[in-house]
Amino acid sequence: MLEENLINFIGFGLVILNMLVFFSGVFFFIKSFYCLFYDRARFFSSFARFFLLFFLSGLLYYLIGSNADLLNFNIIEKVD
């Protein structure tokens, strides 16, 4: 029981972490367009942060999806 709750807590934490990384990537994507027009010196650093955060978001999405059976994410139940 305790192990199952711990696994669910870790899975939920990974999902929340993935959402935070994704939305901070969206923020830096919007900021990179602002920097493109108004502050070109910081454009590349902002765009690099956006690319890095979207890469990390995709990696977390892959890790969560590939380990969904271990994290007890029974989204689709198989009915026989």
N, C-alpha and C. Protein backbone atom coordinates (compact mmCIF):
# COMPACT_ATOMS: atom_id res chain seq x y z
N MET A 1 0.82 -1.20 0.00
CA MET A 1 0.00 0.00 0.00
C MET A 1 0.86 1.26 0.00
N LEU A 2 1.86 1.28 0.86
CA LEU A 2 2.74 2.44 0.93
C LEU A 2 3.56 2.59 -0.35
N GLU A 3 4.02 1.45 -0.89
CA GLU A 3 4.80 1.50 -2.13
C GLU A 3 3.93 1.99 -3.29
N GLU A 4 2.69 1.57 -3.34
CA GLU A 4 1.79 2.01 -4.41
C GLU A 4 1.51 3.50 -4.32
N ASN A 5 1.32 4.02 -3.11
CA ASN A 5 1.11 5.45 -2.94
C ASN A 5 2.36 6.24 -3.31
N LEU A 6 3.52 5.71 -2.98
CA LEU A 6 4.77 6.38 -3.33
C LEU A 6 4.95 6.42 -4.84
N ILE A 7 4.64 5.32 -5.52
CA ILE A 7 4.76 5.28 -6.98
C ILE A 7 3.78 6.25 -7.61
N ASN A 8 2.55 6.33 -7.10
CA ASN A 8 1.58 7.29 -7.62
C ASN A 8 2.03 8.73 -7.39
N PHE A 9 2.62 8.98 -6.24
CA PHE A 9 3.12 10.32 -5.92
C PHE A 9 4.26 10.71 -6.86
N ILE A 10 5.17 9.78 -7.13
CA ILE A 10 6.27 10.06 -8.06
C ILE A 10 5.73 10.29 -9.45
N GLY A 11 4.77 9.49 -9.90
CA GLY A 11 4.18 9.68 -11.21
C GLY A 11 3.48 11.01 -11.35
N PHE A 12 2.72 11.39 -10.31
CA PHE A 12 2.04 12.68 -10.34
C PHE A 12 3.05 13.82 -10.33
N GLY A 13 4.13 13.67 -9.58
CA GLY A 13 5.18 14.68 -9.56
C GLY A 13 5.85 14.83 -10.91
N LEU A 14 6.06 13.73 -11.61
CA LEU A 14 6.65 13.80 -12.95
C LEU A 14 5.73 14.51 -13.93
N VAL A 15 4.44 14.28 -13.82
CA VAL A 15 3.48 14.95 -14.70
C VAL A 15 3.48 16.46 -14.42
N ILE A 16 3.47 16.85 -13.15
CA ILE A 16 3.50 18.26 -12.79
C ILE A 16 4.81 18.90 -13.25
N LEU A 17 5.93 18.20 -13.07
CA LEU A 17 7.22 18.72 -13.53
C LEU A 17 7.22 18.90 -15.04
N ASN A 18 6.63 17.96 -15.76
CA ASN A 18 6.56 18.07 -17.21
C ASN A 18 5.72 19.28 -17.63
N MET A 19 4.64 19.53 -16.92
CA MET A 19 3.81 20.69 -17.25
C MET A 19 4.57 21.99 -16.97
N LEU A 20 5.29 22.06 -15.87
CA LEU A 20 6.07 23.27 -15.56
C LEU A 20 7.16 23.52 -16.59
N VAL A 21 7.86 22.46 -16.99
CA VAL A 21 8.91 22.61 -17.99
C VAL A 21 8.32 23.05 -19.32
N PHE A 22 7.18 22.45 -19.70
CA PHE A 22 6.55 22.79 -20.98
C PHE A 22 6.11 24.25 -21.01
N PHE A 23 5.43 24.70 -19.95
CA PHE A 23 4.93 26.07 -19.96
C PHE A 23 6.04 27.11 -19.79
N SER A 24 7.13 26.76 -19.12
CA SER A 24 8.26 27.68 -19.09
C SER A 24 8.92 27.73 -20.47
N GLY A 25 8.89 26.63 -21.21
CA GLY A 25 9.36 26.66 -22.60
C GLY A 25 8.50 27.55 -23.47
N VAL A 26 7.18 27.51 -23.25
CA VAL A 26 6.28 28.41 -23.99
C VAL A 26 6.60 29.86 -23.65
N PHE A 27 6.86 30.14 -22.39
CA PHE A 27 7.21 31.49 -21.98
C PHE A 27 8.47 31.98 -22.69
N PHE A 28 9.51 31.14 -22.74
CA PHE A 28 10.74 31.57 -23.40
C PHE A 28 10.57 31.65 -24.91
N PHE A 29 9.65 30.87 -25.49
CA PHE A 29 9.37 30.99 -26.91
C PHE A 29 8.76 32.36 -27.22
N ILE A 30 7.81 32.79 -26.39
CA ILE A 30 7.20 34.11 -26.58
C ILE A 30 8.23 35.20 -26.31
N LYS A 31 9.05 35.01 -25.29
CA LYS A 31 10.08 36.00 -24.96
C LYS A 31 11.11 36.10 -26.08
N SER A 32 11.40 34.99 -26.75
CA SER A 32 12.38 35.05 -27.84
C SER A 32 11.87 35.90 -28.99
N PHE A 33 10.56 35.87 -29.26
CA PHE A 33 10.02 36.74 -30.29
C PHE A 33 10.08 38.21 -29.87
N TYR A 34 9.84 38.47 -28.60
CA TYR A 34 9.99 39.84 -28.10
C TYR A 34 11.43 40.30 -28.27
N CYS A 35 12.37 39.44 -27.90
CA CYS A 35 13.79 39.81 -28.00
C CYS A 35 14.22 39.95 -29.46
N LEU A 36 13.58 39.22 -30.36
CA LEU A 36 13.94 39.32 -31.77
C LEU A 36 13.70 40.72 -32.31
N PHE A 37 12.63 41.35 -31.84
CA PHE A 37 12.29 42.67 -32.36
C PHE A 37 12.84 43.82 -31.51
N TYR A 38 12.98 43.60 -30.20
CA TYR A 38 13.33 44.73 -29.34
C TYR A 38 14.70 44.62 -28.68
N ASP A 39 15.24 43.41 -28.52
CA ASP A 39 16.52 43.25 -27.84
C ASP A 39 17.25 42.07 -28.46
N ARG A 40 17.88 42.31 -29.59
CA ARG A 40 18.48 41.22 -30.36
C ARG A 40 19.65 40.56 -29.64
N ALA A 41 20.24 41.24 -28.69
CA ALA A 41 21.39 40.66 -27.99
C ALA A 41 20.98 39.46 -27.14
N ARG A 42 19.75 39.46 -26.63
CA ARG A 42 19.30 38.35 -25.79
C ARG A 42 18.44 37.35 -26.53
N PHE A 43 18.29 37.50 -27.84
CA PHE A 43 17.44 36.59 -28.60
C PHE A 43 17.95 35.15 -28.56
N PHE A 44 19.25 34.97 -28.81
CA PHE A 44 19.77 33.61 -28.90
C PHE A 44 19.76 32.89 -27.56
N SER A 45 20.02 33.60 -26.48
CA SER A 45 19.97 32.95 -25.17
C SER A 45 18.54 32.55 -24.83
N SER A 46 17.58 33.41 -25.16
CA SER A 46 16.19 33.08 -24.88
C SER A 46 15.71 31.93 -25.76
N PHE A 47 16.12 31.93 -27.03
CA PHE A 47 15.71 30.84 -27.92
C PHE A 47 16.38 29.54 -27.51
N ALA A 48 17.61 29.60 -27.02
CA ALA A 48 18.30 28.40 -26.56
C ALA A 48 17.59 27.82 -25.33
N ARG A 49 17.14 28.67 -24.43
CA ARG A 49 16.39 28.19 -23.26
C ARG A 49 15.08 27.54 -23.69
N PHE A 50 14.40 28.15 -24.65
CA PHE A 50 13.16 27.56 -25.18
C PHE A 50 13.44 26.18 -25.76
N PHE A 51 14.48 26.05 -26.58
CA PHE A 51 14.79 24.77 -27.21
C PHE A 51 15.15 23.73 -26.16
N LEU A 52 15.96 24.12 -25.17
CA LEU A 52 16.35 23.20 -24.11
C LEU A 52 15.15 22.74 -23.28
N LEU A 53 14.26 23.67 -22.95
CA LEU A 53 13.10 23.30 -22.13
C LEU A 53 12.13 22.42 -22.91
N PHE A 54 11.95 22.66 -24.20
CA PHE A 54 11.08 21.78 -24.98
C PHE A 54 11.72 20.41 -25.16
N PHE A 55 13.04 20.36 -25.27
CA PHE A 55 13.72 19.07 -25.34
C PHE A 55 13.53 18.30 -24.04
N LEU A 56 13.69 18.98 -22.91
CA LEU A 56 13.48 18.32 -21.61
C LEU A 56 12.03 17.90 -21.43
N SER A 57 11.10 18.71 -21.93
CA SER A 57 9.69 18.36 -21.84
C SER A 57 9.40 17.10 -22.65
N GLY A 58 9.96 17.03 -23.85
CA GLY A 58 9.77 15.83 -24.67
C GLY A 58 10.40 14.61 -24.04
N LEU A 59 11.57 14.79 -23.42
CA LEU A 59 12.23 13.67 -22.75
C LEU A 59 11.40 13.18 -21.56
N LEU A 60 10.88 14.11 -20.77
CA LEU A 60 10.03 13.71 -19.65
C LEU A 60 8.75 13.04 -20.15
N TYR A 61 8.17 13.55 -21.23
CA TYR A 61 6.97 12.94 -21.81
C TYR A 61 7.26 11.52 -22.25
N TYR A 62 8.44 11.30 -22.86
CA TYR A 62 8.82 9.96 -23.29
C TYR A 62 9.01 9.04 -22.08
N LEU A 63 9.69 9.54 -21.04
CA LEU A 63 9.94 8.71 -19.86
C LEU A 63 8.64 8.35 -19.14
N ILE A 64 7.72 9.30 -19.07
CA ILE A 64 6.43 9.02 -18.43
C ILE A 64 5.64 8.03 -19.27
N GLY A 65 5.64 8.23 -20.58
CA GLY A 65 4.88 7.34 -21.45
C GLY A 65 5.44 5.94 -21.51
N SER A 66 6.78 5.81 -21.50
CA SER A 66 7.38 4.49 -21.59
C SER A 66 7.28 3.73 -20.27
N ASN A 67 7.12 4.43 -19.18
CA ASN A 67 7.00 3.78 -17.87
C ASN A 67 5.60 3.92 -17.30
N ALA A 68 4.61 4.10 -18.16
CA ALA A 68 3.24 4.31 -17.67
C ALA A 68 2.72 3.11 -16.92
N ASP A 69 3.12 1.91 -17.31
CA ASP A 69 2.66 0.73 -16.59
C ASP A 69 3.28 0.64 -15.21
N LEU A 70 4.51 1.14 -15.05
CA LEU A 70 5.14 1.14 -13.73
C LEU A 70 4.56 2.22 -12.82
N LEU A 71 4.10 3.32 -13.44
CA LEU A 71 3.58 4.44 -12.65
C LEU A 71 2.07 4.33 -12.40
N ASN A 72 1.49 3.21 -12.77
CA ASN A 72 0.07 2.94 -12.55
C ASN A 72 -0.83 3.94 -13.26
N PHE A 73 -0.44 4.34 -14.46
CA PHE A 73 -1.29 5.21 -15.27
C PHE A 73 -2.14 4.33 -16.17
N ASN A 74 -3.23 3.86 -15.65
CA ASN A 74 -4.14 3.01 -16.42
C ASN A 74 -5.18 3.89 -17.08
N ILE A 75 -4.76 4.63 -18.09
CA ILE A 75 -5.65 5.57 -18.75
C ILE A 75 -6.67 4.81 -19.60
N ILE A 76 -6.20 3.82 -20.33
CA ILE A 76 -7.09 3.03 -21.18
C ILE A 76 -7.14 1.62 -20.62
N GLU A 77 -8.29 1.22 -20.19
CA GLU A 77 -8.47 -0.13 -19.68
C GLU A 77 -8.79 -1.06 -20.84
N LYS A 78 -8.13 -2.19 -20.89
CA LYS A 78 -8.38 -3.17 -21.94
C LYS A 78 -9.57 -4.03 -21.51
N VAL A 79 -10.58 -4.07 -22.35
CA VAL A 79 -11.79 -4.83 -22.04
C VAL A 79 -11.83 -6.03 -22.97
N ASP A 80 -11.96 -7.21 -22.40
CA ASP A 80 -12.06 -8.43 -23.22
C ASP A 80 -13.49 -8.90 -23.31
